N, C-alpha and C. Protein backbone atom coordinates (compact mmCIF):
# COMPACT_ATOMS: atom_id res chain seq x y z
N UNK A 1 269.79 169.36 153.93
CA UNK A 1 268.45 169.10 153.43
C UNK A 1 268.10 170.01 152.27
N UNK A 2 269.05 170.28 151.42
CA UNK A 2 268.79 171.16 150.28
C UNK A 2 268.32 170.39 149.04
N UNK A 3 268.18 169.10 149.15
CA UNK A 3 267.69 168.32 148.01
C UNK A 3 266.22 168.61 147.77
N UNK A 4 265.86 168.76 146.49
CA UNK A 4 264.45 168.99 146.17
C UNK A 4 263.77 167.65 145.91
N UNK A 5 262.50 167.63 146.16
CA UNK A 5 261.69 166.43 145.97
C UNK A 5 260.99 166.56 144.62
N UNK A 6 261.43 165.80 143.63
CA UNK A 6 260.89 165.88 142.29
C UNK A 6 259.59 165.09 142.18
N UNK A 7 258.56 165.75 141.69
CA UNK A 7 257.27 165.08 141.48
C UNK A 7 257.06 164.97 139.97
N UNK A 8 257.05 163.75 139.44
CA UNK A 8 256.89 163.59 138.00
C UNK A 8 255.47 163.91 137.55
N UNK A 9 255.33 164.28 136.28
CA UNK A 9 254.02 164.55 135.70
C UNK A 9 253.22 163.26 135.54
N UNK A 10 253.93 162.18 135.22
CA UNK A 10 253.28 160.90 134.96
C UNK A 10 254.07 159.79 135.62
N UNK A 11 253.35 158.73 135.99
CA UNK A 11 253.97 157.59 136.65
C UNK A 11 253.47 156.31 135.98
N UNK A 12 254.41 155.42 135.71
CA UNK A 12 254.07 154.10 135.18
C UNK A 12 254.37 153.09 136.27
N UNK A 13 253.34 152.40 136.74
CA UNK A 13 253.51 151.36 137.75
C UNK A 13 253.55 150.01 137.03
N UNK A 14 254.60 149.25 137.30
CA UNK A 14 254.75 147.93 136.69
C UNK A 14 254.76 146.91 137.81
N UNK A 15 253.81 145.99 137.76
CA UNK A 15 253.76 144.94 138.78
C UNK A 15 254.93 143.99 138.57
N UNK A 16 255.66 143.74 139.65
CA UNK A 16 256.75 142.77 139.59
C UNK A 16 256.56 141.73 140.70
N UNK A 17 255.28 141.47 141.03
CA UNK A 17 254.98 140.37 141.92
C UNK A 17 255.39 139.08 141.23
N UNK A 18 255.37 137.97 141.92
CA UNK A 18 255.94 136.73 141.37
C UNK A 18 255.39 136.33 140.00
N UNK A 19 254.09 136.35 139.81
CA UNK A 19 253.52 135.93 138.53
C UNK A 19 253.82 136.94 137.42
N UNK A 20 253.66 138.23 137.72
CA UNK A 20 253.94 139.26 136.71
C UNK A 20 255.42 139.27 136.34
N UNK A 21 256.27 139.07 137.34
CA UNK A 21 257.71 139.05 137.09
C UNK A 21 258.07 137.90 136.15
N UNK A 22 257.49 136.72 136.39
CA UNK A 22 257.74 135.55 135.54
C UNK A 22 257.25 135.77 134.11
N UNK A 23 256.21 136.58 133.96
CA UNK A 23 255.62 136.80 132.64
C UNK A 23 256.12 138.07 131.97
N UNK A 24 257.19 138.68 132.53
CA UNK A 24 257.82 139.81 131.84
C UNK A 24 257.72 141.16 132.50
N UNK A 25 257.20 141.25 133.71
CA UNK A 25 257.06 142.53 134.38
C UNK A 25 258.37 143.28 134.55
N UNK A 26 259.40 142.57 134.95
CA UNK A 26 260.71 143.20 135.16
C UNK A 26 261.26 143.75 133.83
N UNK A 27 261.08 142.99 132.76
CA UNK A 27 261.53 143.44 131.44
C UNK A 27 260.76 144.67 130.97
N UNK A 28 259.47 144.74 131.32
CA UNK A 28 258.66 145.90 130.95
C UNK A 28 259.17 147.16 131.63
N UNK A 29 259.56 147.04 132.89
CA UNK A 29 260.06 148.23 133.59
C UNK A 29 261.35 148.72 132.93
N UNK A 30 262.19 147.80 132.48
CA UNK A 30 263.42 148.18 131.76
C UNK A 30 263.08 148.84 130.43
N UNK A 31 262.09 148.30 129.74
CA UNK A 31 261.66 148.85 128.45
C UNK A 31 261.17 150.29 128.63
N UNK A 32 260.31 150.52 129.63
CA UNK A 32 259.78 151.86 129.87
C UNK A 32 260.90 152.83 130.25
N UNK A 33 261.82 152.39 131.11
CA UNK A 33 262.94 153.26 131.49
C UNK A 33 263.78 153.64 130.27
N UNK A 34 263.98 152.68 129.38
CA UNK A 34 264.72 152.96 128.15
C UNK A 34 264.01 153.97 127.27
N UNK A 35 262.69 153.84 127.14
CA UNK A 35 261.92 154.78 126.33
C UNK A 35 261.95 156.18 126.94
N UNK A 36 261.86 156.26 128.25
CA UNK A 36 261.90 157.56 128.93
C UNK A 36 263.26 158.22 128.68
N UNK A 37 264.31 157.45 128.79
CA UNK A 37 265.66 157.99 128.55
C UNK A 37 265.81 158.43 127.10
N UNK A 38 265.35 157.58 126.19
CA UNK A 38 265.44 157.86 124.75
C UNK A 38 264.68 159.13 124.37
N UNK A 39 263.54 159.37 125.00
CA UNK A 39 262.71 160.53 124.71
C UNK A 39 263.09 161.75 125.56
N UNK A 40 264.15 161.61 126.34
CA UNK A 40 264.64 162.68 127.21
C UNK A 40 263.52 163.20 128.12
N UNK A 41 262.83 162.27 128.78
CA UNK A 41 261.70 162.61 129.65
C UNK A 41 262.00 162.31 131.11
N UNK A 42 263.28 162.10 131.43
CA UNK A 42 263.66 161.81 132.81
C UNK A 42 263.24 162.99 133.70
N UNK A 43 262.60 162.68 134.80
CA UNK A 43 262.09 163.71 135.70
C UNK A 43 260.64 164.04 135.43
N UNK A 44 260.18 163.81 134.20
CA UNK A 44 258.78 164.05 133.85
C UNK A 44 257.94 162.80 134.02
N UNK A 45 258.57 161.64 133.74
CA UNK A 45 257.89 160.35 133.82
C UNK A 45 258.75 159.43 134.68
N UNK A 46 258.10 158.72 135.58
CA UNK A 46 258.83 157.81 136.46
C UNK A 46 258.23 156.42 136.38
N UNK A 47 259.09 155.41 136.44
CA UNK A 47 258.65 154.02 136.45
C UNK A 47 258.84 153.50 137.87
N UNK A 48 257.78 152.92 138.40
CA UNK A 48 257.85 152.35 139.74
C UNK A 48 257.45 150.89 139.66
N UNK A 49 258.36 150.03 140.12
CA UNK A 49 258.06 148.60 140.21
C UNK A 49 257.29 148.38 141.51
N UNK A 50 256.14 147.74 141.39
CA UNK A 50 255.32 147.48 142.58
C UNK A 50 255.35 146.01 142.93
N UNK A 51 255.00 145.72 144.17
CA UNK A 51 254.76 144.34 144.55
C UNK A 51 253.43 143.93 143.95
N UNK A 52 252.95 142.79 144.28
CA UNK A 52 251.73 142.24 143.71
C UNK A 52 250.55 143.23 143.77
N UNK A 53 249.86 143.39 142.63
CA UNK A 53 248.68 144.25 142.56
C UNK A 53 247.40 143.43 142.73
N UNK A 54 247.55 142.14 143.00
CA UNK A 54 246.42 141.22 143.20
C UNK A 54 245.58 141.06 141.93
N UNK A 55 246.24 141.12 140.79
CA UNK A 55 245.59 140.91 139.50
C UNK A 55 246.37 139.84 138.72
N UNK A 56 246.76 138.79 139.43
CA UNK A 56 247.65 137.76 138.90
C UNK A 56 247.10 137.07 137.65
N UNK A 57 245.80 136.96 137.54
CA UNK A 57 245.21 136.30 136.37
C UNK A 57 245.42 137.11 135.09
N UNK A 58 245.88 138.35 135.21
CA UNK A 58 246.04 139.24 134.06
C UNK A 58 247.51 139.62 133.84
N UNK A 59 248.41 138.84 134.41
CA UNK A 59 249.84 139.14 134.39
C UNK A 59 250.44 139.18 132.98
N UNK A 60 251.40 140.09 132.77
CA UNK A 60 251.84 141.16 133.64
C UNK A 60 250.95 142.40 133.51
N UNK A 61 250.81 143.10 134.63
CA UNK A 61 249.90 144.25 134.71
C UNK A 61 250.71 145.55 134.84
N UNK A 62 250.25 146.56 134.10
CA UNK A 62 250.87 147.89 134.12
C UNK A 62 249.76 148.91 134.35
N UNK A 63 250.07 149.96 135.10
CA UNK A 63 249.12 151.06 135.31
C UNK A 63 249.82 152.37 134.97
N UNK A 64 249.14 153.21 134.21
CA UNK A 64 249.70 154.50 133.82
C UNK A 64 248.87 155.62 134.43
N UNK A 65 249.56 156.47 135.19
CA UNK A 65 248.91 157.56 135.89
C UNK A 65 249.42 158.89 135.35
N UNK A 66 248.62 159.92 135.26
CA UNK A 66 247.35 160.11 135.96
C UNK A 66 246.13 159.62 135.19
N UNK A 67 246.30 158.94 134.06
CA UNK A 67 245.16 158.47 133.26
C UNK A 67 244.36 157.36 133.93
N UNK A 68 244.93 156.72 134.94
CA UNK A 68 244.32 155.56 135.59
C UNK A 68 244.04 154.46 134.57
N UNK A 69 244.97 154.27 133.64
CA UNK A 69 244.86 153.23 132.63
C UNK A 69 245.52 151.96 133.16
N UNK A 70 244.75 150.88 133.23
CA UNK A 70 245.26 149.59 133.69
C UNK A 70 245.36 148.66 132.49
N UNK A 71 246.53 148.09 132.28
CA UNK A 71 246.79 147.28 131.11
C UNK A 71 247.06 145.83 131.51
N UNK A 72 246.15 144.92 131.17
CA UNK A 72 246.38 143.51 131.46
C UNK A 72 247.18 142.85 130.35
N UNK A 73 247.81 141.73 130.66
CA UNK A 73 248.54 140.92 129.67
C UNK A 73 249.48 141.77 128.82
N UNK A 74 250.25 142.63 129.45
CA UNK A 74 251.08 143.59 128.71
C UNK A 74 252.33 142.93 128.15
N UNK A 75 252.49 143.05 126.84
CA UNK A 75 253.72 142.59 126.19
C UNK A 75 254.43 143.83 125.65
N UNK A 76 255.55 143.64 124.98
CA UNK A 76 256.34 144.77 124.50
C UNK A 76 255.54 145.66 123.54
N UNK A 77 254.79 145.05 122.65
CA UNK A 77 254.01 145.82 121.68
C UNK A 77 252.94 146.66 122.38
N UNK A 78 252.21 146.05 123.31
CA UNK A 78 251.18 146.78 124.08
C UNK A 78 251.80 147.90 124.90
N UNK A 79 252.97 147.63 125.47
CA UNK A 79 253.67 148.62 126.29
C UNK A 79 254.04 149.84 125.45
N UNK A 80 254.58 149.62 124.27
CA UNK A 80 254.97 150.73 123.40
C UNK A 80 253.76 151.53 122.95
N UNK A 81 252.68 150.83 122.63
CA UNK A 81 251.44 151.50 122.21
C UNK A 81 250.87 152.34 123.36
N UNK A 82 250.87 151.78 124.56
CA UNK A 82 250.34 152.50 125.74
C UNK A 82 251.22 153.70 126.07
N UNK A 83 252.53 153.56 125.92
CA UNK A 83 253.44 154.67 126.17
C UNK A 83 253.13 155.82 125.22
N UNK A 84 252.91 155.48 123.97
CA UNK A 84 252.57 156.49 122.96
C UNK A 84 251.26 157.18 123.34
N UNK A 85 250.26 156.38 123.68
CA UNK A 85 248.92 156.92 123.95
C UNK A 85 248.83 157.69 125.27
N UNK A 86 249.38 157.13 126.34
CA UNK A 86 249.18 157.71 127.68
C UNK A 86 250.31 158.64 128.15
N UNK A 87 251.47 158.50 127.56
CA UNK A 87 252.60 159.33 128.00
C UNK A 87 252.92 160.40 126.97
N UNK A 88 253.14 160.02 125.73
CA UNK A 88 253.55 160.98 124.71
C UNK A 88 252.40 161.84 124.17
N UNK A 89 251.26 161.21 123.89
CA UNK A 89 250.15 161.95 123.28
C UNK A 89 249.27 162.69 124.28
N UNK A 90 249.39 162.37 125.53
CA UNK A 90 248.51 162.95 126.55
C UNK A 90 249.32 163.86 127.46
N UNK A 91 249.36 165.13 127.13
CA UNK A 91 250.15 166.07 127.91
C UNK A 91 249.38 166.56 129.12
N UNK A 92 250.09 166.75 130.21
CA UNK A 92 249.48 167.24 131.45
C UNK A 92 249.10 168.70 131.27
N UNK A 93 247.91 169.02 131.71
CA UNK A 93 247.40 170.39 131.56
C UNK A 93 247.60 171.16 132.83
């Protein structure tokens, strides 16, 4: 039991319920993971695919924590902009 439990500074939740998944949710999680790897932020930022967030009319939905930013109708451009705003520009104090 010598493994440590890593707690990331920030978490990106990507809905991959049926409607969000069909509208690109799974691809968004891959995009975010790629950006985290590219920016060498592994361990600081984590992407978690969630089941349905019950916001199907706004699919695909992403939430960025700890900002509590909820992003409806997220496409690649919105995802990159939100990553810049909520992950890169907003450092944990």
